[in-house]
């Protein structure tokens, strides 16, 4: 472990395997990145493995929990086992990597509750037992230090967005300022200005209410390729009322729990019209976020699962009047967050900041993460 820390603090390139399981509860993304925690040197293989339904159900039962219980212990056990099996499968499969090829694992964990106003955030996943079983060092618990210091604890990916955008600007593929919109269960924006300045916050609901609506009424796990939302008509009057919610009137920094917004907005509508309305709500919330950025972006770069939903993307263009950039050739939207937590793991080893006053509202740039030895 001392050798790993020495190499990290020298600024050497490390190979990190990042794991991300988002609030949409779809499964685990794994991705390898080579980085010194400041620059991205290379991308490695990646893989998505869906959660088994018993894991999803165990996690759903404890969403919003604020203290340990037999249910949270069971959920953590199942999630940790899913992480262990995913890493083992990844390293034994077609990735062309062995354990000895990986320097560190960055484990986000599965968020079950996020209440920064109470200085509380909870990501389940036993990093200590995972490090022992896999035999590799694990950096986890990325959000707690920020929340304890009065920050929102989210979003944490902006510093990685900045590194990606810096590469794209250098190569002439993007022009600043740029808005990166990540649409997971919750959606968040990272605005990056011409001087490298960042502003980031959660814009509003992402895929979570739409996924829950489709699961409840459409019999599918999610609105694949926007199939249901494209067949429906959004209730525009409801969208206007939705944007009057207190959250959208608060200035950033601000962040959301997965369950702060639900599918009530679609109540009484047909399955397809409800899906269309929830997709439009995601886009409208993101567009409204531009009222808080220092200068209009030249383009959106959309990442996360919502990037694959044409209903959301088309509504985003219409509401914001800002073009959506073509997919960046070295940005893999399916695995960007997994890459980010590999990147953040290396930053944590170096003691570099993960959060900033303009991203989480913490009073000063702050590092985070805890290292667990094998």
Protein backbone atom coordinates (compact mmCIF):
# COMPACT_ATOMS: atom_id res chain seq x y z
CA UNK A 1 0.00 0.00 0.00
CA UNK A 2 2.83 2.41 0.76
CA UNK A 3 4.19 1.80 -2.74
CA UNK A 4 0.80 2.68 -4.25
CA UNK A 5 0.57 5.90 -2.25
CA UNK A 6 4.15 6.82 -3.15
CA UNK A 7 3.49 6.29 -6.85
CA UNK A 8 0.27 8.26 -6.67
CA UNK A 9 1.85 11.20 -4.87
CA UNK A 10 4.65 11.30 -7.42
CA UNK A 11 1.97 11.82 -10.03
CA UNK A 12 2.62 8.53 -11.80
CA UNK A 13 0.02 7.08 -14.15
CA UNK A 14 -2.13 4.51 -12.40
CA UNK A 15 -4.64 2.07 -13.80
CA UNK A 16 -7.91 2.37 -11.91
CA UNK A 17 -11.04 0.26 -12.21
CA UNK A 18 -14.09 2.37 -11.43
CA UNK A 19 -17.44 0.92 -10.37
CA UNK A 20 -20.70 2.82 -10.53
CA UNK A 21 -24.21 1.71 -9.62
CA UNK A 22 -26.65 4.57 -9.99
CA UNK A 23 -29.99 5.50 -8.52
CA UNK A 24 -31.77 4.02 -11.52
CA UNK A 25 -30.87 0.61 -9.98
CA UNK A 26 -30.13 -0.91 -13.36
CA UNK A 27 -26.86 -2.56 -12.39
CA UNK A 28 -23.11 -2.10 -12.20
CA UNK A 29 -20.88 -0.32 -14.69
CA UNK A 30 -17.17 -1.15 -14.63
CA UNK A 31 -14.54 0.80 -16.57
CA UNK A 32 -10.77 1.10 -16.56
CA UNK A 33 -8.96 4.41 -16.89
CA UNK A 34 -5.26 5.30 -16.84
CA UNK A 35 -4.71 8.61 -15.11
CA UNK A 36 -2.57 10.60 -12.73
CA UNK A 37 -5.72 12.14 -11.26
CA UNK A 38 -5.34 15.29 -13.34
CA UNK A 39 -5.00 14.16 -16.95
CA UNK A 40 -6.65 11.27 -18.73
CA UNK A 41 -3.94 9.20 -20.38
CA UNK A 42 -5.92 6.24 -21.71
CA UNK A 43 -9.22 4.44 -21.50
CA UNK A 44 -9.43 0.72 -20.92
CA UNK A 45 -12.12 -1.94 -21.25
CA UNK A 46 -15.58 -1.61 -19.76
CA UNK A 47 -18.56 -3.77 -18.92
CA UNK A 48 -22.13 -3.46 -17.64
CA UNK A 49 -23.71 -6.18 -15.55
CA UNK A 50 -27.37 -5.81 -14.57
CA UNK A 51 -28.48 -6.30 -11.03
CA UNK A 52 -30.43 -9.47 -10.38
CA UNK A 53 -34.00 -8.67 -9.43
CA UNK A 54 -33.50 -9.75 -5.77
CA UNK A 55 -30.74 -7.12 -5.49
CA UNK A 56 -32.98 -4.41 -6.98
CA UNK A 57 -35.84 -5.31 -4.67
CA UNK A 58 -33.58 -5.38 -1.61
CA UNK A 59 -32.27 -1.90 -2.46
CA UNK A 60 -35.74 -0.51 -3.23
CA UNK A 61 -36.89 -1.64 0.24
CA UNK A 62 -34.26 0.54 1.93
CA UNK A 63 -34.36 3.68 -0.22
CA UNK A 64 -34.62 6.61 2.19
CA UNK A 65 -33.35 4.65 5.20
CA UNK A 66 -31.56 6.74 7.82
CA UNK A 67 -30.34 4.05 10.20
CA UNK A 68 -29.10 0.45 10.00
CA UNK A 69 -31.62 -2.37 10.09
CA UNK A 70 -31.78 -6.01 9.04
CA UNK A 71 -33.08 -4.81 5.66
CA UNK A 72 -30.16 -2.41 5.09
CA UNK A 73 -27.71 -5.13 6.16
CA UNK A 74 -29.27 -7.55 3.69
CA UNK A 75 -29.21 -4.99 0.91
CA UNK A 76 -25.56 -4.18 1.58
CA UNK A 77 -24.65 -7.87 1.63
CA UNK A 78 -26.33 -8.47 -1.74
CA UNK A 79 -24.87 -5.34 -3.32
CA UNK A 80 -21.35 -6.15 -2.07
CA UNK A 81 -21.64 -9.70 -3.43
CA UNK A 82 -22.79 -8.25 -6.77
CA UNK A 83 -19.72 -5.96 -6.83
CA UNK A 84 -17.41 -8.86 -5.99
CA UNK A 85 -18.87 -11.09 -8.67
CA UNK A 86 -18.80 -8.28 -11.24
CA UNK A 87 -15.12 -7.54 -10.63
CA UNK A 88 -14.23 -11.22 -10.73
CA UNK A 89 -16.13 -11.70 -13.99
CA UNK A 90 -14.59 -8.58 -15.50
CA UNK A 91 -11.03 -9.63 -14.70
CA UNK A 92 -11.62 -13.21 -15.80
CA UNK A 93 -13.39 -12.33 -19.02
CA UNK A 94 -12.53 -10.72 -22.31
CA UNK A 95 -11.14 -7.52 -20.80
CA UNK A 96 -7.59 -8.77 -21.23
CA UNK A 97 -6.74 -7.71 -17.68
CA UNK A 98 -5.69 -9.55 -14.58
CA UNK A 99 -5.80 -8.36 -10.99
CA UNK A 100 -2.11 -7.52 -11.21
CA UNK A 101 -2.89 -5.08 -14.03
CA UNK A 102 -5.12 -2.95 -11.80
CA UNK A 103 -3.62 -0.58 -9.25
CA UNK A 104 -6.77 0.51 -7.43
CA UNK A 105 -10.54 0.16 -7.47
CA UNK A 106 -12.78 3.22 -7.17
CA UNK A 107 -16.11 2.14 -5.64
CA UNK A 108 -18.95 4.63 -5.58
CA UNK A 109 -21.35 2.29 -3.78
CA UNK A 110 -25.12 2.23 -4.09
CA UNK A 111 -26.80 5.38 -2.81
CA UNK A 112 -29.88 4.67 -0.75
CA UNK A 113 -30.31 8.06 0.94
CA UNK A 114 -28.93 11.51 0.25
CA UNK A 115 -29.94 14.28 2.66
CA UNK A 116 -27.13 16.85 2.70
CA UNK A 117 -29.32 19.36 4.55
CA UNK A 118 -29.08 16.95 7.49
CA UNK A 119 -25.40 16.30 6.69
CA UNK A 120 -26.28 12.73 5.84
CA UNK A 121 -25.54 10.59 2.81
CA UNK A 122 -25.44 6.80 2.64
CA UNK A 123 -23.89 4.61 -0.03
CA UNK A 124 -24.02 0.91 0.75
CA UNK A 125 -21.31 -1.56 -0.26
CA UNK A 126 -18.75 -3.06 2.12
CA UNK A 127 -15.48 -1.75 0.70
CA UNK A 128 -13.34 -3.37 3.40
CA UNK A 129 -14.61 -6.89 2.72
CA UNK A 130 -14.47 -6.27 -1.03
CA UNK A 131 -10.80 -5.27 -0.83
CA UNK A 132 -10.03 -8.43 1.15
CA UNK A 133 -11.93 -10.76 -1.16
CA UNK A 134 -10.68 -9.25 -4.43
CA UNK A 135 -7.15 -8.67 -3.14
CA UNK A 136 -6.93 -5.10 -4.45
CA UNK A 137 -6.97 -1.71 -2.69
CA UNK A 138 -10.34 0.02 -2.81
CA UNK A 139 -11.11 3.72 -2.48
CA UNK A 140 -14.72 4.32 -1.44
CA UNK A 141 -16.90 6.65 0.67
CA UNK A 142 -16.35 9.58 -1.67
CA UNK A 143 -19.20 11.80 -0.47
CA UNK A 144 -19.12 11.77 3.34
CA UNK A 145 -16.29 14.26 3.89
CA UNK A 146 -17.97 16.86 1.71
CA UNK A 147 -21.36 16.44 3.39
CA UNK A 148 -19.79 16.56 6.85
CA UNK A 149 -18.12 19.85 5.90
CA UNK A 150 -21.46 21.36 4.88
CA UNK A 151 -21.32 20.57 1.16
CA UNK A 152 -24.03 18.92 -0.90
CA UNK A 153 -21.92 15.81 -1.48
CA UNK A 154 -22.99 15.92 -5.12
CA UNK A 155 -22.30 16.10 -7.92
CA UNK A 156 -18.75 14.70 -7.74
CA UNK A 157 -18.19 14.00 -11.43
CA UNK A 158 -17.59 17.65 -12.54
CA UNK A 159 -13.82 17.53 -12.08
CA UNK A 160 -13.79 14.55 -14.45
CA UNK A 161 -16.07 16.38 -16.88
CA UNK A 162 -13.55 19.23 -16.80
CA UNK A 163 -10.71 16.85 -17.71
CA UNK A 164 -12.74 15.40 -20.60
CA UNK A 165 -13.75 18.83 -21.89
CA UNK A 166 -10.16 20.06 -21.67
CA UNK A 167 -9.10 17.23 -24.01
CA UNK A 168 -11.94 17.94 -26.43
CA UNK A 169 -11.20 21.69 -26.54
CA UNK A 170 -7.51 21.02 -27.09
CA UNK A 171 -8.39 18.77 -30.02
CA UNK A 172 -10.77 21.35 -31.51
CA UNK A 173 -13.90 19.26 -30.92
CA UNK A 174 -15.64 21.59 -28.47
CA UNK A 175 -15.74 25.32 -27.87
CA UNK A 176 -16.19 26.83 -24.43
CA UNK A 177 -18.37 27.41 -22.53
CA UNK A 178 -19.89 23.93 -22.52
CA UNK A 179 -22.66 22.35 -20.46
CA UNK A 180 -22.29 18.66 -19.70
CA UNK A 181 -25.63 17.13 -18.74
CA UNK A 182 -25.53 13.74 -17.06
CA UNK A 183 -28.92 12.04 -16.96
CA UNK A 184 -28.94 9.15 -14.53
CA UNK A 185 -31.63 8.55 -11.94
CA UNK A 186 -31.12 12.22 -11.08
CA UNK A 187 -29.80 14.67 -13.69
CA UNK A 188 -26.92 17.06 -13.09
CA UNK A 189 -25.15 19.78 -15.04
CA UNK A 190 -21.50 20.79 -15.18
CA UNK A 191 -20.94 24.18 -16.80
CA UNK A 192 -17.32 24.79 -17.80
CA UNK A 193 -16.24 28.31 -18.80
CA UNK A 194 -13.47 29.69 -20.95
CA UNK A 195 -11.15 30.07 -17.96
CA UNK A 196 -11.82 26.50 -16.81
CA UNK A 197 -14.27 27.66 -14.16
CA UNK A 198 -16.90 25.15 -13.11
CA UNK A 199 -20.44 25.37 -11.84
CA UNK A 200 -22.30 22.16 -11.12
CA UNK A 201 -25.54 21.07 -9.48
CA UNK A 202 -28.42 18.64 -9.80
CA UNK A 203 -30.91 20.00 -12.32
CA UNK A 204 -33.86 17.86 -11.30
CA UNK A 205 -35.24 14.38 -11.90
CA UNK A 206 -33.50 12.24 -14.47
CA UNK A 207 -34.56 8.75 -15.45
CA UNK A 208 -35.82 7.60 -12.04
CA UNK A 209 -39.47 8.80 -12.21
CA UNK A 210 -39.73 7.70 -15.86
CA UNK A 211 -38.25 4.28 -15.06
CA UNK A 212 -40.59 3.86 -12.08
CA UNK A 213 -43.62 4.90 -14.16
CA UNK A 214 -42.80 2.51 -16.99
CA UNK A 215 -42.11 -0.30 -14.54
CA UNK A 216 -45.41 0.31 -12.73
CA UNK A 217 -47.67 0.87 -15.75
CA UNK A 218 -45.86 -0.39 -18.83
CA UNK A 219 -44.40 -3.65 -17.60
CA UNK A 220 -40.87 -2.75 -18.71
CA UNK A 221 -37.74 -2.01 -16.68
CA UNK A 222 -37.26 1.37 -18.37
CA UNK A 223 -38.28 3.39 -21.43
CA UNK A 224 -35.84 1.74 -23.82
CA UNK A 225 -34.82 4.13 -26.65
CA UNK A 226 -37.69 6.39 -25.61
CA UNK A 227 -40.19 3.97 -27.13
CA UNK A 228 -43.11 4.81 -24.83
CA UNK A 229 -42.39 8.52 -24.41
CA UNK A 230 -42.10 8.98 -28.20
CA UNK A 231 -45.59 7.50 -28.67
CA UNK A 232 -47.14 9.85 -26.12
CA UNK A 233 -47.94 13.55 -25.86
CA UNK A 234 -46.60 15.47 -22.91
CA UNK A 235 -48.96 17.48 -20.72
CA UNK A 236 -47.34 20.89 -21.17
CA UNK A 237 -49.55 22.57 -18.57
CA UNK A 238 -48.26 20.17 -15.96
CA UNK A 239 -44.68 20.94 -16.95
CA UNK A 240 -45.21 24.63 -16.18
CA UNK A 241 -46.58 23.76 -12.74
CA UNK A 242 -43.71 21.34 -12.17
CA UNK A 243 -41.15 24.11 -12.81
CA UNK A 244 -42.71 26.14 -10.00
CA UNK A 245 -41.50 23.54 -7.50
CA UNK A 246 -39.34 25.18 -4.82
CA UNK A 247 -36.24 23.25 -5.89
CA UNK A 248 -36.03 25.03 -9.23
CA UNK A 249 -36.26 28.43 -7.56
CA UNK A 250 -33.26 27.74 -5.31
CA UNK A 251 -29.87 28.95 -6.46
CA UNK A 252 -27.09 26.37 -6.69
CA UNK A 253 -25.27 24.61 -5.19
CA UNK A 254 -28.05 22.12 -4.65
CA UNK A 255 -28.56 18.39 -4.93
CA UNK A 256 -31.35 15.85 -4.85
CA UNK A 257 -32.20 12.45 -3.45
CA UNK A 258 -33.54 9.93 -5.95
CA UNK A 259 -36.99 10.08 -4.39
CA UNK A 260 -37.32 13.86 -4.12
CA UNK A 261 -39.33 13.70 -7.34
CA UNK A 262 -41.63 10.84 -8.30
CA UNK A 263 -44.10 10.09 -11.06
CA UNK A 264 -47.03 11.98 -9.49
CA UNK A 265 -46.67 14.44 -12.37
CA UNK A 266 -48.05 11.73 -14.68
CA UNK A 267 -50.96 10.59 -12.51
CA UNK A 268 -54.15 10.07 -14.50
CA UNK A 269 -52.43 10.05 -17.89
CA UNK A 270 -52.14 7.13 -20.29
CA UNK A 271 -48.96 5.08 -20.08
CA UNK A 272 -47.42 6.75 -23.12
CA UNK A 273 -48.58 10.29 -22.27
CA UNK A 274 -47.25 9.84 -18.75
CA UNK A 275 -43.91 8.68 -20.09
CA UNK A 276 -43.79 11.64 -22.50
CA UNK A 277 -44.60 14.05 -19.67
CA UNK A 278 -41.89 12.66 -17.39
CA UNK A 279 -39.33 12.78 -20.21
CA UNK A 280 -40.31 16.39 -20.90
CA UNK A 281 -40.01 17.23 -17.20
CA UNK A 282 -36.43 15.97 -17.15
CA UNK A 283 -35.58 18.14 -20.17
CA UNK A 284 -37.43 21.20 -18.89
CA UNK A 285 -35.65 21.04 -15.55
CA UNK A 286 -32.27 20.83 -17.30
CA UNK A 287 -33.12 23.76 -19.57
CA UNK A 288 -34.21 25.85 -16.58
CA UNK A 289 -30.79 25.29 -15.01
CA UNK A 290 -29.26 27.55 -17.65
CA UNK A 291 -30.75 30.53 -15.80
CA UNK A 292 -27.98 30.06 -13.22
CA UNK A 293 -24.90 29.64 -15.42
CA UNK A 294 -22.55 32.61 -15.95
CA UNK A 295 -22.78 32.48 -19.76
CA UNK A 296 -24.87 30.49 -22.26
CA UNK A 297 -23.16 27.28 -23.36
CA UNK A 298 -22.21 26.75 -26.99
CA UNK A 299 -23.55 23.20 -26.71
CA UNK A 300 -24.86 20.50 -24.46
CA UNK A 301 -22.90 17.27 -24.19
CA UNK A 302 -25.38 14.72 -22.83
CA UNK A 303 -24.22 11.61 -20.99
CA UNK A 304 -25.80 8.88 -18.89
CA UNK A 305 -28.71 6.62 -19.73
CA UNK A 306 -30.94 9.55 -20.65
CA UNK A 307 -28.65 10.37 -23.58
CA UNK A 308 -30.25 7.40 -25.36
CA UNK A 309 -33.79 8.68 -24.98
CA UNK A 310 -34.72 10.75 -28.07
CA UNK A 311 -37.74 12.21 -26.29
CA UNK A 312 -35.57 13.80 -23.64
CA UNK A 313 -32.98 15.01 -26.15
CA UNK A 314 -35.54 16.57 -28.52
CA UNK A 315 -37.32 18.30 -25.66
CA UNK A 316 -33.98 19.55 -24.32
CA UNK A 317 -33.22 21.18 -27.67
CA UNK A 318 -36.65 22.76 -27.81
CA UNK A 319 -36.76 24.06 -24.25
CA UNK A 320 -33.17 25.37 -24.10
CA UNK A 321 -32.59 26.52 -27.71
CA UNK A 322 -29.05 25.15 -27.33
CA UNK A 323 -27.70 22.50 -29.69
CA UNK A 324 -26.79 19.05 -28.43
CA UNK A 325 -23.25 18.19 -29.49
CA UNK A 326 -22.57 15.03 -31.40
CA UNK A 327 -21.15 12.24 -29.30
CA UNK A 328 -17.52 12.92 -28.47
CA UNK A 329 -15.39 10.11 -29.94
CA UNK A 330 -13.58 9.32 -26.70
CA UNK A 331 -16.58 9.81 -24.39
CA UNK A 332 -18.39 6.59 -23.63
CA UNK A 333 -21.63 7.83 -22.11
CA UNK A 334 -22.48 4.36 -20.84
CA UNK A 335 -19.35 4.23 -18.71
CA UNK A 336 -18.47 7.85 -18.02
CA UNK A 337 -19.45 7.74 -14.35
CA UNK A 338 -17.58 4.47 -13.78
CA UNK A 339 -14.51 6.06 -15.38
CA UNK A 340 -15.03 9.10 -13.19
CA UNK A 341 -14.83 7.12 -9.97
CA UNK A 342 -11.62 5.48 -11.14
CA UNK A 343 -10.32 9.00 -11.81
CA UNK A 344 -11.52 10.21 -8.41
CA UNK A 345 -9.89 7.24 -6.69
CA UNK A 346 -6.51 8.32 -8.01
CA UNK A 347 -7.18 11.94 -7.01
CA UNK A 348 -8.06 10.69 -3.54
CA UNK A 349 -4.77 8.77 -3.29
CA UNK A 350 -2.95 11.99 -4.21
CA UNK A 351 -4.93 14.10 -1.75
CA UNK A 352 -6.28 16.26 -4.59
CA UNK A 353 -9.68 17.93 -4.20
CA UNK A 354 -12.80 16.11 -5.35
CA UNK A 355 -15.31 18.85 -4.56
CA UNK A 356 -15.31 22.63 -4.76
CA UNK A 357 -17.37 25.61 -3.61
CA UNK A 358 -18.90 25.90 -7.10
CA UNK A 359 -19.78 22.22 -7.41
CA UNK A 360 -21.05 21.13 -3.99
CA UNK A 361 -21.04 24.40 -2.03
CA UNK A 362 -18.37 23.23 0.40
CA UNK A 363 -16.53 26.25 1.84
CA UNK A 364 -13.14 25.27 0.34
CA UNK A 365 -11.87 22.72 -2.16
CA UNK A 366 -11.87 19.38 -0.38
CA UNK A 367 -10.47 15.91 -0.98
CA UNK A 368 -12.35 12.79 0.06
CA UNK A 369 -12.58 9.04 -0.18
CA UNK A 370 -11.23 6.36 2.15
CA UNK A 371 -8.63 3.78 1.24
CA UNK A 372 -9.27 0.15 2.19
CA UNK A 373 -6.37 -2.29 2.06
CA UNK A 374 -6.61 -5.89 0.81
